[in-house]
Amino acid sequence: MRTPALLIVAVALAGCTAVPQQSSLTTPPPPPPPTTTSATPLDLPPRPRSVPLDEVDPCALLTADQRTSLSLDNPPGAYVEPSFGNARACTIRSTTSGNVARIALVVVSGADVWLSENAQVEYTLGTIEGFTAITVRTPDVHDVCNVEIDVADGQFVDVMFRDGGNSTAVQQDHLCLGAQRVAEAVMASLLQKR
């Protein structure tokens, strides 16, 4: 008696079972949204004047007093930065903080290159001495911060401030403050020289 009752219940349940719906894992994904491109790139605000970087020595931009106030106590070292079209560059290390500042004078591209989607960076706009300054953070790179200053058509000053290998990592917000301070000193000197 028990077997027929179980058989009836099994048949009844089988008749009530709904047809399984297609799993979301096997459903083809919806088509991607159409790609849109901005017809007009973001324009930087006008600069107070043009300050060309031709013939400027990046290692002469910070005076000894400015370097001391920024705790950049090692002698500046000149080199050429290939990632910026062989820009004239200068690096200065701090033995006090362990941080490193780099100043590069880029004459092959304007600062607006950092506003492009191709740059793949996070940025904020500000000003230094009336010139647009772009603070740049590269996603997943936390030991460096850059400030890019728009000084002339197709030219900008790149100030990088990075952790020089400290035993305790320096927070990126602190590095951005350092980059800002160095950029302010660089612009003050540059405007006096030009």
Protein backbone atom coordinates (compact mmCIF):
# COMPACT_ATOMS: atom_id res chain seq x y z
CA MET A 1 0.00 0.00 0.00
CA ARG A 2 2.85 2.26 0.74
CA THR A 3 4.53 1.88 -2.67
CA PRO A 4 1.47 2.94 -4.74
CA ALA A 5 0.96 5.99 -2.50
CA LEU A 6 4.61 7.09 -2.99
CA LEU A 7 4.25 6.47 -6.74
CA ILE A 8 1.14 8.68 -6.92
CA VAL A 9 2.88 11.47 -4.97
CA ALA A 10 5.94 11.27 -7.24
CA VAL A 11 3.80 11.43 -10.40
CA ALA A 12 1.80 14.34 -8.99
CA LEU A 13 4.95 16.26 -8.11
CA ALA A 14 6.41 15.58 -11.53
CA GLY A 15 3.32 17.03 -13.16
CA CYS A 16 3.55 20.18 -11.04
CA THR A 17 7.22 20.85 -11.69
CA ALA A 18 7.70 23.91 -13.86
CA VAL A 19 9.97 23.82 -16.89
CA PRO A 20 13.33 25.19 -15.77
CA GLN A 21 14.05 28.66 -17.05
CA GLN A 22 17.29 29.40 -18.82
CA SER A 23 20.02 30.19 -16.33
CA SER A 24 21.56 33.65 -16.38
CA LEU A 25 24.88 31.85 -16.78
CA THR A 26 23.78 30.46 -20.14
CA THR A 27 21.88 33.54 -21.33
CA PRO A 28 23.89 35.51 -23.84
CA PRO A 29 24.96 38.90 -22.46
CA PRO A 30 23.12 41.97 -23.65
CA PRO A 31 24.81 43.87 -26.45
CA PRO A 32 27.34 46.42 -25.24
CA PRO A 33 26.17 50.01 -25.06
CA PRO A 34 27.20 52.14 -28.02
CA THR A 35 30.55 53.84 -27.53
CA THR A 36 30.48 57.58 -27.40
CA THR A 37 33.35 59.94 -27.87
CA SER A 38 33.48 63.53 -26.86
CA ALA A 39 33.50 65.75 -29.92
CA THR A 40 35.35 68.48 -28.06
CA PRO A 41 38.16 67.78 -25.59
CA LEU A 42 38.18 69.59 -22.28
CA ASP A 43 39.93 72.93 -22.76
CA LEU A 44 42.20 74.28 -20.07
CA PRO A 45 41.46 77.77 -18.77
CA PRO A 46 43.54 80.53 -20.36
CA ARG A 47 46.92 81.10 -18.73
CA PRO A 48 47.94 84.59 -17.49
CA ARG A 49 50.78 84.61 -20.01
CA SER A 50 52.98 82.20 -21.89
CA VAL A 51 56.15 81.02 -20.14
CA PRO A 52 58.20 79.02 -22.68
CA LEU A 53 60.50 76.35 -21.28
CA ASP A 54 63.09 76.45 -24.05
CA GLU A 55 66.60 76.98 -22.66
CA VAL A 56 65.42 76.59 -19.02
CA ASP A 57 67.62 74.42 -16.79
CA PRO A 58 65.33 72.31 -14.57
CA CYS A 59 68.08 71.90 -11.94
CA ALA A 60 68.42 75.70 -11.63
CA LEU A 61 64.72 76.26 -10.95
CA LEU A 62 64.86 75.66 -7.20
CA THR A 63 67.25 77.82 -5.22
CA ALA A 64 69.28 76.35 -2.35
CA ASP A 65 66.91 78.06 0.12
CA GLN A 66 63.85 76.60 -1.64
CA ARG A 67 65.39 73.12 -1.62
CA THR A 68 66.16 73.46 2.09
CA SER A 69 62.61 74.58 2.91
CA LEU A 70 61.30 71.57 0.92
CA SER A 71 63.72 69.19 2.74
CA LEU A 72 65.38 68.32 -0.57
CA ASP A 73 68.90 68.24 0.79
CA ASN A 74 70.81 66.19 -1.79
CA PRO A 75 72.39 67.89 -4.82
CA PRO A 76 70.14 68.05 -7.91
CA GLY A 77 70.92 65.58 -10.67
CA ALA A 78 70.21 66.41 -14.32
CA TYR A 79 69.12 63.80 -16.84
CA VAL A 80 66.87 63.32 -19.88
CA GLU A 81 63.39 61.81 -19.35
CA PRO A 82 62.58 59.59 -22.37
CA SER A 83 58.93 59.06 -21.38
CA PHE A 84 58.32 62.78 -22.00
CA GLY A 85 59.99 63.07 -25.40
CA ASN A 86 63.50 63.38 -23.96
CA ALA A 87 62.52 66.25 -21.69
CA ARG A 88 65.22 67.96 -19.69
CA ALA A 89 64.72 66.75 -16.12
CA CYS A 90 66.18 67.05 -12.66
CA THR A 91 65.81 64.79 -9.65
CA ILE A 92 66.44 65.79 -6.03
CA ARG A 93 66.34 63.38 -3.09
CA SER A 94 65.66 64.12 0.56
CA THR A 95 67.77 62.23 3.08
CA THR A 96 65.49 63.64 5.80
CA SER A 97 62.17 62.30 4.51
CA GLY A 98 63.42 59.72 2.01
CA ASN A 99 61.20 61.24 -0.68
CA VAL A 100 62.29 62.24 -4.18
CA ALA A 101 61.21 65.20 -6.33
CA ARG A 102 61.57 65.24 -10.10
CA ILE A 103 61.10 68.29 -12.33
CA ALA A 104 60.72 67.68 -16.07
CA LEU A 105 60.28 70.42 -18.67
CA VAL A 106 58.09 68.93 -21.39
CA VAL A 107 58.17 70.72 -24.75
CA VAL A 108 56.60 68.07 -27.01
CA SER A 109 53.05 68.09 -25.63
CA GLY A 110 50.60 70.30 -23.80
CA ALA A 111 49.36 69.60 -20.26
CA ASP A 112 45.92 68.77 -21.68
CA VAL A 113 47.33 65.33 -22.61
CA TRP A 114 46.55 64.34 -18.98
CA LEU A 115 42.84 65.10 -19.50
CA SER A 116 42.48 62.54 -22.29
CA GLU A 117 40.83 59.17 -21.68
CA ASN A 118 44.00 57.63 -23.09
CA ALA A 119 45.97 58.91 -20.08
CA GLN A 120 43.97 56.57 -17.80
CA VAL A 121 44.62 58.66 -14.70
CA GLU A 122 42.57 60.38 -12.04
CA TYR A 123 43.09 64.12 -11.96
CA THR A 124 41.94 67.30 -10.27
CA LEU A 125 42.33 70.81 -11.62
CA GLY A 126 43.72 73.70 -9.61
CA THR A 127 45.93 76.72 -10.16
CA ILE A 128 49.43 77.81 -9.22
CA GLU A 129 50.28 81.49 -9.78
CA GLY A 130 47.21 81.68 -12.06
CA PHE A 131 48.38 78.78 -14.29
CA THR A 132 46.32 75.60 -14.51
CA ALA A 133 47.84 72.84 -12.38
CA ILE A 134 46.62 69.27 -12.84
CA THR A 135 47.21 66.93 -9.90
CA VAL A 136 47.54 63.43 -11.36
CA ARG A 137 47.16 60.09 -9.60
CA THR A 138 47.65 56.87 -11.53
CA PRO A 139 45.24 54.11 -10.42
CA ASP A 140 46.95 51.30 -8.46
CA VAL A 141 50.19 53.30 -8.18
CA HIS A 142 50.21 54.75 -4.67
CA ASP A 143 53.85 55.75 -4.15
CA VAL A 144 53.86 58.77 -6.47
CA CYS A 145 51.89 61.91 -7.29
CA ASN A 146 52.39 64.40 -10.13
CA VAL A 147 51.45 68.02 -10.68
CA GLU A 148 51.39 69.18 -14.32
CA ILE A 149 51.51 72.95 -14.91
CA ASP A 150 50.29 74.40 -18.21
CA VAL A 151 52.83 77.12 -19.02
CA ALA A 152 52.78 77.53 -22.82
CA ASP A 153 51.21 76.09 -25.95
CA GLY A 154 52.51 72.54 -26.27
CA GLN A 155 54.65 72.82 -23.11
CA PHE A 156 54.19 71.98 -19.44
CA VAL A 157 56.17 71.51 -16.25
CA ASP A 158 55.89 68.04 -14.74
CA VAL A 159 56.58 67.83 -11.01
CA MET A 160 56.68 64.32 -9.61
CA PHE A 161 56.97 63.56 -5.92
CA ARG A 162 57.50 59.94 -4.88
CA ASP A 163 58.31 57.72 -1.97
CA GLY A 164 62.03 56.99 -2.28
CA GLY A 165 61.78 53.59 -0.61
CA ASN A 166 60.94 54.49 2.99
CA SER A 167 60.53 51.63 5.46
CA THR A 168 56.98 52.86 6.12
CA ALA A 169 55.09 53.75 2.94
CA VAL A 170 54.18 57.42 2.59
CA GLN A 171 50.46 58.04 1.99
CA GLN A 172 49.65 59.33 -1.47
CA ASP A 173 47.82 62.38 -0.08
CA HIS A 174 51.10 63.41 1.57
CA LEU A 175 52.96 62.85 -1.70
CA CYS A 176 50.45 65.04 -3.55
CA LEU A 177 50.99 67.78 -0.97
CA GLY A 178 54.73 67.46 -1.54
CA ALA A 179 54.27 67.66 -5.31
CA GLN A 180 52.08 70.75 -4.85
CA ARG A 181 54.69 72.48 -2.66
CA VAL A 182 57.50 71.73 -5.11
CA ALA A 183 55.36 72.88 -8.04
CA GLU A 184 54.59 76.17 -6.27
CA ALA A 185 58.30 76.81 -5.64
CA VAL A 186 59.18 75.88 -9.24
CA MET A 187 56.59 78.30 -10.64
CA ALA A 188 57.70 81.11 -8.34
CA SER A 189 61.28 80.68 -9.61
CA LEU A 190 60.26 80.22 -13.23
CA LEU A 191 58.21 83.43 -13.23
CA GLN A 192 61.13 85.37 -11.73
CA LYS A 193 63.49 84.06 -14.41
CA ARG A 194 61.06 84.61 -17.30
